Amino acid sequence: MADMLLSGMSLRGIALYLNEHGVLCPCQYKKEKLGVKYANPFAKEKS
């Protein structure tokens, strides 16, 4: 993310890139990859 920002990509562009490439956001990553019982009250069903 840092490299993409310094290369000229916008924050919105980075978000689109990560979502299109199937990179899990922090909330989903903690639940699916780390197996942590983590619940973000502001998160949707699929963040």
All heavy atoms as atom14 arrays in JSON, in Angstrom:
{
  "sequence": "MADMLLSGMSLRGIALYLNEHGVLCPCQYKKEKLGVKYANPFAKEKS",
  "atom14_mask": [
    [1, 1, 1, 1, 1, 1, 1, 1, 0, 0, 0, 0, 0, 0],
    [1, 1, 1, 1, 1, 0, 0, 0, 0, 0, 0, 0, 0, 0],
    [1, 1, 1, 1, 1, 1, 1, 1, 0, 0, 0, 0, 0, 0],
    [1, 1, 1, 1, 1, 1, 1, 1, 0, 0, 0, 0, 0, 0],
    [1, 1, 1, 1, 1, 1, 1, 1, 0, 0, 0, 0, 0, 0],
    [1, 1, 1, 1, 1, 1, 1, 1, 0, 0, 0, 0, 0, 0],
    [1, 1, 1, 1, 1, 1, 0, 0, 0, 0, 0, 0, 0, 0],
    [1, 1, 1, 1, 0, 0, 0, 0, 0, 0, 0, 0, 0, 0],
    [1, 1, 1, 1, 1, 1, 1, 1, 0, 0, 0, 0, 0, 0],
    [1, 1, 1, 1, 1, 1, 0, 0, 0, 0, 0, 0, 0, 0],
    [1, 1, 1, 1, 1, 1, 1, 1, 0, 0, 0, 0, 0, 0],
    [1, 1, 1, 1, 1, 1, 1, 1, 1, 1, 1, 0, 0, 0],
    [1, 1, 1, 1, 0, 0, 0, 0, 0, 0, 0, 0, 0, 0],
    [1, 1, 1, 1, 1, 1, 1, 1, 0, 0, 0, 0, 0, 0],
    [1, 1, 1, 1, 1, 0, 0, 0, 0, 0, 0, 0, 0, 0],
    [1, 1, 1, 1, 1, 1, 1, 1, 0, 0, 0, 0, 0, 0],
    [1, 1, 1, 1, 1, 1, 1, 1, 1, 1, 1, 1, 0, 0],
    [1, 1, 1, 1, 1, 1, 1, 1, 0, 0, 0, 0, 0, 0],
    [1, 1, 1, 1, 1, 1, 1, 1, 0, 0, 0, 0, 0, 0],
    [1, 1, 1, 1, 1, 1, 1, 1, 1, 0, 0, 0, 0, 0],
    [1, 1, 1, 1, 1, 1, 1, 1, 1, 1, 0, 0, 0, 0],
    [1, 1, 1, 1, 0, 0, 0, 0, 0, 0, 0, 0, 0, 0],
    [1, 1, 1, 1, 1, 1, 1, 0, 0, 0, 0, 0, 0, 0],
    [1, 1, 1, 1, 1, 1, 1, 1, 0, 0, 0, 0, 0, 0],
    [1, 1, 1, 1, 1, 1, 0, 0, 0, 0, 0, 0, 0, 0],
    [1, 1, 1, 1, 1, 1, 1, 0, 0, 0, 0, 0, 0, 0],
    [1, 1, 1, 1, 1, 1, 0, 0, 0, 0, 0, 0, 0, 0],
    [1, 1, 1, 1, 1, 1, 1, 1, 1, 0, 0, 0, 0, 0],
    [1, 1, 1, 1, 1, 1, 1, 1, 1, 1, 1, 1, 0, 0],
    [1, 1, 1, 1, 1, 1, 1, 1, 1, 0, 0, 0, 0, 0],
    [1, 1, 1, 1, 1, 1, 1, 1, 1, 0, 0, 0, 0, 0],
    [1, 1, 1, 1, 1, 1, 1, 1, 1, 0, 0, 0, 0, 0],
    [1, 1, 1, 1, 1, 1, 1, 1, 1, 0, 0, 0, 0, 0],
    [1, 1, 1, 1, 1, 1, 1, 1, 0, 0, 0, 0, 0, 0],
    [1, 1, 1, 1, 0, 0, 0, 0, 0, 0, 0, 0, 0, 0],
    [1, 1, 1, 1, 1, 1, 1, 0, 0, 0, 0, 0, 0, 0],
    [1, 1, 1, 1, 1, 1, 1, 1, 1, 0, 0, 0, 0, 0],
    [1, 1, 1, 1, 1, 1, 1, 1, 1, 1, 1, 1, 0, 0],
    [1, 1, 1, 1, 1, 0, 0, 0, 0, 0, 0, 0, 0, 0],
    [1, 1, 1, 1, 1, 1, 1, 1, 0, 0, 0, 0, 0, 0],
    [1, 1, 1, 1, 1, 1, 1, 0, 0, 0, 0, 0, 0, 0],
    [1, 1, 1, 1, 1, 1, 1, 1, 1, 1, 1, 0, 0, 0],
    [1, 1, 1, 1, 1, 0, 0, 0, 0, 0, 0, 0, 0, 0],
    [1, 1, 1, 1, 1, 1, 1, 1, 1, 0, 0, 0, 0, 0],
    [1, 1, 1, 1, 1, 1, 1, 1, 1, 0, 0, 0, 0, 0],
    [1, 1, 1, 1, 1, 1, 1, 1, 1, 0, 0, 0, 0, 0],
    [1, 1, 1, 1, 1, 1, 0, 0, 0, 0, 0, 0, 0, 0]
  ],
  "atom14_positions": [
    [[0.84, -1.21, 0.0], [0.0, 0.0, 0.0], [0.87, 1.25, 0.0], [0.6, 2.22, -0.72], [-0.93, 0.01, 1.22], [-2.03, -1.03, 1.17], [-3.29, -0.8, 2.46], [-2.33, -0.95, 3.95], [0.0, 0.0, 0.0], [0.0, 0.0, 0.0], [0.0, 0.0, 0.0], [0.0, 0.0, 0.0], [0.0, 0.0, 0.0], [0.0, 0.0, 0.0]],
    [[1.93, 1.24, 0.8], [2.83, 2.39, 0.87], [3.53, 2.63, -0.47], [3.63, 3.78, -0.94], [3.87, 2.18, 1.98], [0.0, 0.0, 0.0], [0.0, 0.0, 0.0], [0.0, 0.0, 0.0], [0.0, 0.0, 0.0], [0.0, 0.0, 0.0], [0.0, 0.0, 0.0], [0.0, 0.0, 0.0], [0.0, 0.0, 0.0], [0.0, 0.0, 0.0]],
    [[3.98, 1.55, -1.1], [4.65, 1.69, -2.39], [3.7, 2.21, -3.47], [4.08, 3.04, -4.31], [5.24, 0.34, -2.82], [6.39, -0.11, -1.93], [7.0, 0.77, -1.29], [6.67, -1.32, -1.87], [0.0, 0.0, 0.0], [0.0, 0.0, 0.0], [0.0, 0.0, 0.0], [0.0, 0.0, 0.0], [0.0, 0.0, 0.0], [0.0, 0.0, 0.0]],
    [[2.47, 1.71, -3.47], [1.49, 2.17, -4.45], [1.18, 3.65, -4.26], [1.03, 4.4, -5.23], [0.21, 1.33, -4.36], [0.34, -0.06, -4.96], [-1.24, -0.97, -5.02], [-1.31, -1.61, -3.35], [0.0, 0.0, 0.0], [0.0, 0.0, 0.0], [0.0, 0.0, 0.0], [0.0, 0.0, 0.0], [0.0, 0.0, 0.0], [0.0, 0.0, 0.0]],
    [[1.09, 4.09, -3.01], [0.82, 5.5, -2.74], [1.96, 6.38, -3.23], [1.74, 7.4, -3.88], [0.59, 5.71, -1.24], [0.27, 7.14, -0.81], [-1.18, 7.49, -1.18], [0.49, 7.35, 0.68], [0.0, 0.0, 0.0], [0.0, 0.0, 0.0], [0.0, 0.0, 0.0], [0.0, 0.0, 0.0], [0.0, 0.0, 0.0], [0.0, 0.0, 0.0]],
    [[3.2, 5.97, -2.94], [4.36, 6.77, -3.33], [4.59, 6.74, -4.84], [5.24, 7.64, -5.38], [5.61, 6.27, -2.6], [5.61, 6.45, -1.07], [6.86, 5.84, -0.46], [5.49, 7.92, -0.69], [0.0, 0.0, 0.0], [0.0, 0.0, 0.0], [0.0, 0.0, 0.0], [0.0, 0.0, 0.0], [0.0, 0.0, 0.0], [0.0, 0.0, 0.0]],
    [[4.04, 5.72, -5.52], [4.19, 5.66, -6.97], [3.15, 6.51, -7.69], [3.2, 6.65, -8.91], [4.07, 4.22, -7.45], [2.74, 3.73, -7.28], [0.0, 0.0, 0.0], [0.0, 0.0, 0.0], [0.0, 0.0, 0.0], [0.0, 0.0, 0.0], [0.0, 0.0, 0.0], [0.0, 0.0, 0.0], [0.0, 0.0, 0.0], [0.0, 0.0, 0.0]],
    [[2.21, 7.09, -6.93], [1.23, 7.99, -7.54], [-0.2, 7.54, -7.47], [-1.11, 8.27, -7.87], [0.0, 0.0, 0.0], [0.0, 0.0, 0.0], [0.0, 0.0, 0.0], [0.0, 0.0, 0.0], [0.0, 0.0, 0.0], [0.0, 0.0, 0.0], [0.0, 0.0, 0.0], [0.0, 0.0, 0.0], [0.0, 0.0, 0.0], [0.0, 0.0, 0.0]],
    [[-0.48, 6.34, -6.92], [-1.86, 5.88, -6.82], [-2.59, 6.59, -5.7], [-2.0, 6.91, -4.66], [-1.91, 4.36, -6.6], [-1.53, 3.54, -7.81], [-1.77, 1.76, -7.56], [-3.56, 1.66, -7.51], [0.0, 0.0, 0.0], [0.0, 0.0, 0.0], [0.0, 0.0, 0.0], [0.0, 0.0, 0.0], [0.0, 0.0, 0.0], [0.0, 0.0, 0.0]],
    [[-3.86, 6.83, -5.9], [-4.69, 7.45, -4.87], [-5.13, 6.4, -3.86], [-5.04, 5.19, -4.12], [-5.91, 8.11, -5.49], [-6.77, 7.13, -6.05], [0.0, 0.0, 0.0], [0.0, 0.0, 0.0], [0.0, 0.0, 0.0], [0.0, 0.0, 0.0], [0.0, 0.0, 0.0], [0.0, 0.0, 0.0], [0.0, 0.0, 0.0], [0.0, 0.0, 0.0]],
    [[-5.65, 6.85, -2.73], [-6.15, 5.92, -1.73], [-7.31, 5.11, -2.29], [-7.42, 3.91, -2.03], [-6.61, 6.69, -0.48], [-5.5, 7.44, 0.28], [-6.11, 8.27, 1.4], [-4.49, 6.46, 0.86], [0.0, 0.0, 0.0], [0.0, 0.0, 0.0], [0.0, 0.0, 0.0], [0.0, 0.0, 0.0], [0.0, 0.0, 0.0], [0.0, 0.0, 0.0]],
    [[-8.16, 5.77, -3.06], [-9.29, 5.08, -3.68], [-8.77, 4.03, -4.68], [-9.29, 2.91, -4.74], [-10.18, 6.08, -4.4], [-11.33, 5.48, -5.18], [-12.21, 6.57, -5.78], [-13.15, 6.01, -6.74], [-12.89, 5.8, -8.01], [-11.69, 6.11, -8.49], [-13.8, 5.29, -8.83], [0.0, 0.0, 0.0], [0.0, 0.0, 0.0], [0.0, 0.0, 0.0]],
    [[-7.75, 4.38, -5.45], [-7.19, 3.44, -6.4], [-6.57, 2.23, -5.71], [-6.69, 1.09, -6.19], [0.0, 0.0, 0.0], [0.0, 0.0, 0.0], [0.0, 0.0, 0.0], [0.0, 0.0, 0.0], [0.0, 0.0, 0.0], [0.0, 0.0, 0.0], [0.0, 0.0, 0.0], [0.0, 0.0, 0.0], [0.0, 0.0, 0.0], [0.0, 0.0, 0.0]],
    [[-5.91, 2.45, -4.57], [-5.31, 1.34, -3.81], [-6.41, 0.41, -3.3], [-6.28, -0.82, -3.36], [-4.47, 1.88, -2.64], [-3.28, 2.7, -3.17], [-3.96, 0.75, -1.77], [-2.52, 3.44, -2.1], [0.0, 0.0, 0.0], [0.0, 0.0, 0.0], [0.0, 0.0, 0.0], [0.0, 0.0, 0.0], [0.0, 0.0, 0.0], [0.0, 0.0, 0.0]],
    [[-7.5, 1.0, -2.78], [-8.61, 0.2, -2.27], [-9.21, -0.67, -3.39], [-9.49, -1.86, -3.18], [-9.68, 1.11, -1.67], [0.0, 0.0, 0.0], [0.0, 0.0, 0.0], [0.0, 0.0, 0.0], [0.0, 0.0, 0.0], [0.0, 0.0, 0.0], [0.0, 0.0, 0.0], [0.0, 0.0, 0.0], [0.0, 0.0, 0.0], [0.0, 0.0, 0.0]],
    [[-9.4, -0.08, -4.56], [-9.94, -0.83, -5.7], [-9.01, -1.98, -6.08], [-9.45, -3.11, -6.34], [-10.15, 0.1, -6.89], [-11.3, 1.11, -6.78], [-11.24, 2.1, -7.93], [-12.65, 0.4, -6.75], [0.0, 0.0, 0.0], [0.0, 0.0, 0.0], [0.0, 0.0, 0.0], [0.0, 0.0, 0.0], [0.0, 0.0, 0.0], [0.0, 0.0, 0.0]],
    [[-7.72, -1.71, -6.09], [-6.73, -2.73, -6.45], [-6.78, -3.9, -5.46], [-6.8, -5.07, -5.86], [-5.33, -2.11, -6.48], [-4.23, -3.1, -6.76], [-3.84, -3.39, -8.06], [-3.57, -3.75, -5.71], [-2.84, -4.31, -8.33], [-2.57, -4.67, -5.95], [-2.2, -4.95, -7.26], [-1.21, -5.86, -7.51], [0.0, 0.0, 0.0], [0.0, 0.0, 0.0]],
    [[-6.79, -3.59, -4.17], [-6.8, -4.65, -3.16], [-8.07, -5.48, -3.23], [-8.02, -6.72, -3.12], [-6.65, -4.03, -1.76], [-5.32, -3.32, -1.46], [-5.37, -2.66, -0.1], [-4.15, -4.3, -1.53], [0.0, 0.0, 0.0], [0.0, 0.0, 0.0], [0.0, 0.0, 0.0], [0.0, 0.0, 0.0], [0.0, 0.0, 0.0], [0.0, 0.0, 0.0]],
    [[-9.21, -4.83, -3.4], [-10.48, -5.56, -3.48], [-10.55, -6.43, -4.74], [-11.04, -7.56, -4.69], [-11.65, -4.58, -3.44], [-11.81, -3.93, -2.07], [-11.53, -4.55, -1.05], [-12.24, -2.69, -2.05], [0.0, 0.0, 0.0], [0.0, 0.0, 0.0], [0.0, 0.0, 0.0], [0.0, 0.0, 0.0], [0.0, 0.0, 0.0], [0.0, 0.0, 0.0]],
    [[-10.06, -5.89, -5.86], [-10.08, -6.65, -7.11], [-9.16, -7.86, -7.07], [-9.42, -8.86, -7.75], [-9.69, -5.74, -8.28], [-10.76, -4.7, -8.62], [-10.26, -3.68, -9.63], [-9.07, -3.76, -10.03], [-11.05, -2.79, -10.01], [0.0, 0.0, 0.0], [0.0, 0.0, 0.0], [0.0, 0.0, 0.0], [0.0, 0.0, 0.0], [0.0, 0.0, 0.0]],
    [[-8.11, -7.78, -6.27], [-7.16, -8.9, -6.18], [-7.45, -9.82, -4.99], [-6.63, -10.68, -4.64], [-5.72, -8.37, -6.09], [-5.2, -7.84, -7.4], [-5.61, -6.62, -7.91], [-4.33, -8.37, -8.31], [-5.0, -6.42, -9.07], [-4.23, -7.46, -9.34], [0.0, 0.0, 0.0], [0.0, 0.0, 0.0], [0.0, 0.0, 0.0], [0.0, 0.0, 0.0]],
    [[-8.59, -9.64, -4.37], [-9.02, -10.54, -3.3], [-8.26, -10.45, -2.0], [-8.24, -11.42, -1.23], [0.0, 0.0, 0.0], [0.0, 0.0, 0.0], [0.0, 0.0, 0.0], [0.0, 0.0, 0.0], [0.0, 0.0, 0.0], [0.0, 0.0, 0.0], [0.0, 0.0, 0.0], [0.0, 0.0, 0.0], [0.0, 0.0, 0.0], [0.0, 0.0, 0.0]],
    [[-7.64, -9.31, -1.75], [-6.92, -9.13, -0.48], [-7.93, -8.81, 0.61], [-8.73, -7.87, 0.48], [-5.89, -7.98, -0.58], [-5.16, -7.8, 0.75], [-4.9, -8.28, -1.7], [0.0, 0.0, 0.0], [0.0, 0.0, 0.0], [0.0, 0.0, 0.0], [0.0, 0.0, 0.0], [0.0, 0.0, 0.0], [0.0, 0.0, 0.0], [0.0, 0.0, 0.0]],
    [[-7.94, -9.6, 1.67], [-8.91, -9.43, 2.74], [-8.63, -8.15, 3.53], [-7.47, -7.86, 3.85], [-8.9, -10.63, 3.69], [-9.31, -11.98, 3.08], [-9.11, -13.09, 4.1], [-10.76, -11.95, 2.61], [0.0, 0.0, 0.0], [0.0, 0.0, 0.0], [0.0, 0.0, 0.0], [0.0, 0.0, 0.0], [0.0, 0.0, 0.0], [0.0, 0.0, 0.0]],
    [[-9.67, -7.41, 3.86], [-9.51, -6.23, 4.7], [-9.22, -6.67, 6.13], [-9.41, -7.85, 6.47], [-10.78, -5.36, 4.64], [-12.19, -6.09, 5.48], [0.0, 0.0, 0.0], [0.0, 0.0, 0.0], [0.0, 0.0, 0.0], [0.0, 0.0, 0.0], [0.0, 0.0, 0.0], [0.0, 0.0, 0.0], [0.0, 0.0, 0.0], [0.0, 0.0, 0.0]],
    [[-8.77, -5.78, 7.02], [-8.39, -6.19, 8.38], [-9.45, -6.98, 9.13], [-9.14, -7.98, 9.78], [-8.1, -4.85, 9.07], [-7.63, -3.96, 7.97], [-8.44, -4.36, 6.76], [0.0, 0.0, 0.0], [0.0, 0.0, 0.0], [0.0, 0.0, 0.0], [0.0, 0.0, 0.0], [0.0, 0.0, 0.0], [0.0, 0.0, 0.0], [0.0, 0.0, 0.0]],
    [[-10.71, -6.56, 9.04], [-11.78, -7.25, 9.77], [-11.93, -8.69, 9.28], [-11.95, -9.63, 10.08], [-13.09, -6.48, 9.6], [-14.49, -7.24, 10.44], [0.0, 0.0, 0.0], [0.0, 0.0, 0.0], [0.0, 0.0, 0.0], [0.0, 0.0, 0.0], [0.0, 0.0, 0.0], [0.0, 0.0, 0.0], [0.0, 0.0, 0.0], [0.0, 0.0, 0.0]],
    [[-12.04, -8.87, 7.97], [-12.2, -10.21, 7.41], [-10.94, -11.05, 7.6], [-11.0, -12.26, 7.82], [-12.53, -10.11, 5.92], [-13.86, -9.43, 5.63], [-15.03, -10.2, 6.21], [-15.84, -9.65, 6.94], [-15.11, -11.48, 5.91], [0.0, 0.0, 0.0], [0.0, 0.0, 0.0], [0.0, 0.0, 0.0], [0.0, 0.0, 0.0], [0.0, 0.0, 0.0]],
    [[-9.78, -10.41, 7.53], [-8.51, -11.13, 7.68], [-8.4, -11.74, 9.08], [-7.97, -12.89, 9.24], [-7.35, -10.16, 7.44], [-5.98, -10.79, 7.57], [-5.42, -11.53, 6.54], [-5.23, -10.61, 8.73], [-4.17, -12.1, 6.66], [-3.97, -11.17, 8.87], [-3.44, -11.92, 7.83], [-2.21, -12.48, 7.96], [0.0, 0.0, 0.0], [0.0, 0.0, 0.0]],
    [[-8.78, -10.97, 10.09], [-8.7, -11.48, 11.46], [-9.62, -12.67, 11.67], [-9.28, -13.63, 12.37], [-9.04, -10.36, 12.45], [-7.97, -9.29, 12.55], [-8.4, -8.18, 13.49], [-7.34, -7.09, 13.54], [-7.75, -5.95, 14.41], [0.0, 0.0, 0.0], [0.0, 0.0, 0.0], [0.0, 0.0, 0.0], [0.0, 0.0, 0.0], [0.0, 0.0, 0.0]],
    [[-10.8, -12.61, 11.06], [-11.76, -13.69, 11.26], [-11.44, -14.92, 10.41], [-11.47, -16.05, 10.91], [-13.18, -13.19, 10.93], [-13.72, -12.19, 11.93], [-15.2, -11.92, 11.74], [-15.47, -11.16, 10.47], [-16.91, -10.77, 10.36], [0.0, 0.0, 0.0], [0.0, 0.0, 0.0], [0.0, 0.0, 0.0], [0.0, 0.0, 0.0], [0.0, 0.0, 0.0]],
    [[-11.11, -14.72, 9.14], [-10.93, -15.85, 8.23], [-9.52, -16.44, 8.26], [-9.36, -17.66, 8.19], [-11.28, -15.41, 6.8], [-12.74, -15.0, 6.63], [-13.07, -14.63, 5.2], [-12.35, -15.1, 4.27], [-14.03, -13.86, 4.98], [0.0, 0.0, 0.0], [0.0, 0.0, 0.0], [0.0, 0.0, 0.0], [0.0, 0.0, 0.0], [0.0, 0.0, 0.0]],
    [[-8.5, -15.6, 8.35], [-7.12, -16.09, 8.31], [-6.58, -16.41, 9.69], [-5.93, -17.43, 9.91], [-6.22, -15.06, 7.63], [-6.32, -15.05, 6.11], [-5.76, -16.35, 5.53], [-5.77, -16.32, 4.01], [-4.53, -15.84, 3.45], [0.0, 0.0, 0.0], [0.0, 0.0, 0.0], [0.0, 0.0, 0.0], [0.0, 0.0, 0.0], [0.0, 0.0, 0.0]],
    [[-6.82, -15.5, 10.64], [-6.25, -15.69, 11.98], [-7.18, -16.47, 12.9], [-6.76, -16.91, 13.98], [-5.92, -14.33, 12.61], [-4.93, -13.45, 11.82], [-4.67, -12.16, 12.59], [-3.62, -14.18, 11.57], [0.0, 0.0, 0.0], [0.0, 0.0, 0.0], [0.0, 0.0, 0.0], [0.0, 0.0, 0.0], [0.0, 0.0, 0.0], [0.0, 0.0, 0.0]],
    [[-8.45, -16.61, 12.52], [-9.39, -17.35, 13.35], [-9.74, -16.66, 14.64], [-10.1, -17.3, 15.63], [0.0, 0.0, 0.0], [0.0, 0.0, 0.0], [0.0, 0.0, 0.0], [0.0, 0.0, 0.0], [0.0, 0.0, 0.0], [0.0, 0.0, 0.0], [0.0, 0.0, 0.0], [0.0, 0.0, 0.0], [0.0, 0.0, 0.0], [0.0, 0.0, 0.0]],
    [[-9.66, -15.32, 14.64], [-9.95, -14.55, 15.85], [-11.44, -14.22, 15.89], [-12.04, -13.88, 14.86], [-9.13, -13.24, 15.88], [-9.49, -12.41, 17.09], [-7.65, -13.57, 15.88], [0.0, 0.0, 0.0], [0.0, 0.0, 0.0], [0.0, 0.0, 0.0], [0.0, 0.0, 0.0], [0.0, 0.0, 0.0], [0.0, 0.0, 0.0], [0.0, 0.0, 0.0]],
    [[-12.04, -14.33, 17.05], [-13.45, -13.97, 17.21], [-13.57, -12.46, 17.33], [-13.79, -11.9, 18.4], [-14.05, -14.66, 18.44], [-14.12, -16.18, 18.31], [-14.73, -16.8, 19.55], [-14.8, -18.32, 19.4], [-15.38, -18.97, 20.61], [0.0, 0.0, 0.0], [0.0, 0.0, 0.0], [0.0, 0.0, 0.0], [0.0, 0.0, 0.0], [0.0, 0.0, 0.0]],
    [[-13.38, -11.82, 16.19], [-13.35, -10.36, 16.15], [-14.61, -9.86, 15.47], [-15.01, -10.36, 14.41], [-12.12, -9.89, 15.36], [-12.03, -8.39, 15.17], [-11.55, -7.58, 16.19], [-12.42, -7.8, 13.97], [-11.47, -6.21, 16.02], [-12.34, -6.44, 13.79], [-11.86, -5.64, 14.81], [-11.79, -4.29, 14.64], [0.0, 0.0, 0.0], [0.0, 0.0, 0.0]],
    [[-15.26, -8.88, 16.08], [-16.48, -8.31, 15.51], [-16.37, -6.8, 15.5], [-16.24, -6.18, 16.55], [-17.69, -8.75, 16.32], [0.0, 0.0, 0.0], [0.0, 0.0, 0.0], [0.0, 0.0, 0.0], [0.0, 0.0, 0.0], [0.0, 0.0, 0.0], [0.0, 0.0, 0.0], [0.0, 0.0, 0.0], [0.0, 0.0, 0.0], [0.0, 0.0, 0.0]],
    [[-16.39, -6.23, 14.31], [-16.39, -4.77, 14.16], [-17.85, -4.31, 14.1], [-18.58, -4.67, 13.18], [-15.66, -4.38, 12.88], [-15.5, -2.87, 12.75], [-16.19, -2.1, 13.4], [-14.58, -2.46, 11.9], [0.0, 0.0, 0.0], [0.0, 0.0, 0.0], [0.0, 0.0, 0.0], [0.0, 0.0, 0.0], [0.0, 0.0, 0.0], [0.0, 0.0, 0.0]],
    [[-18.3, -3.51, 15.09], [-19.71, -3.11, 15.11], [-20.13, -2.28, 13.92], [-21.3, -2.17, 13.6], [-19.82, -2.31, 16.43], [-18.43, -1.86, 16.73], [-17.55, -2.93, 16.2], [0.0, 0.0, 0.0], [0.0, 0.0, 0.0], [0.0, 0.0, 0.0], [0.0, 0.0, 0.0], [0.0, 0.0, 0.0], [0.0, 0.0, 0.0], [0.0, 0.0, 0.0]],
    [[-19.15, -1.66, 13.25], [-19.47, -0.79, 12.11], [-19.3, -1.52, 10.77], [-19.6, -0.96, 9.72], [-18.57, 0.45, 12.13], [-18.65, 1.22, 13.42], [-17.62, 1.14, 14.34], [-19.75, 1.99, 13.72], [-17.69, 1.84, 15.54], [-19.83, 2.68, 14.91], [-18.81, 2.61, 15.82], [0.0, 0.0, 0.0], [0.0, 0.0, 0.0], [0.0, 0.0, 0.0]],
    [[-18.82, -2.76, 10.82], [-18.56, -3.48, 9.58], [-19.82, -4.14, 9.05], [-20.72, -4.51, 9.8], [-17.48, -4.53, 9.81], [0.0, 0.0, 0.0], [0.0, 0.0, 0.0], [0.0, 0.0, 0.0], [0.0, 0.0, 0.0], [0.0, 0.0, 0.0], [0.0, 0.0, 0.0], [0.0, 0.0, 0.0], [0.0, 0.0, 0.0], [0.0, 0.0, 0.0]],
    [[-19.87, -4.3, 7.72], [-20.98, -4.98, 7.09], [-20.7, -6.48, 7.13], [-19.69, -6.93, 7.64], [-21.13, -4.5, 5.65], [-21.45, -3.01, 5.54], [-21.56, -2.59, 4.09], [-21.85, -1.1, 3.97], [-21.91, -0.65, 2.57], [0.0, 0.0, 0.0], [0.0, 0.0, 0.0], [0.0, 0.0, 0.0], [0.0, 0.0, 0.0], [0.0, 0.0, 0.0]],
    [[-21.65, -7.26, 6.58], [-21.5, -8.72, 6.6], [-20.23, -9.14, 5.89], [-19.51, -10.02, 6.33], [-22.73, -9.35, 5.95], [-22.73, -10.87, 6.05], [-23.99, -11.49, 5.48], [-24.95, -10.73, 5.22], [-24.02, -12.72, 5.3], [0.0, 0.0, 0.0], [0.0, 0.0, 0.0], [0.0, 0.0, 0.0], [0.0, 0.0, 0.0], [0.0, 0.0, 0.0]],
    [[-19.95, -8.52, 4.75], [-18.71, -8.8, 4.02], [-17.98, -7.47, 3.81], [-18.34, -6.67, 2.94], [-19.03, -9.45, 2.67], [-17.8, -9.8, 1.84], [-16.97, -10.9, 2.49], [-15.8, -11.3, 1.59], [-14.97, -12.36, 2.21], [0.0, 0.0, 0.0], [0.0, 0.0, 0.0], [0.0, 0.0, 0.0], [0.0, 0.0, 0.0], [0.0, 0.0, 0.0]],
    [[-16.98, -7.24, 4.62], [-16.28, -5.96, 4.58], [-15.27, -5.93, 3.45], [-14.71, -6.96, 3.06], [-15.57, -5.71, 5.91], [-16.5, -5.68, 6.97], [0.0, 0.0, 0.0], [0.0, 0.0, 0.0], [0.0, 0.0, 0.0], [0.0, 0.0, 0.0], [0.0, 0.0, 0.0], [0.0, 0.0, 0.0], [0.0, 0.0, 0.0], [0.0, 0.0, 0.0]]
  ]
}
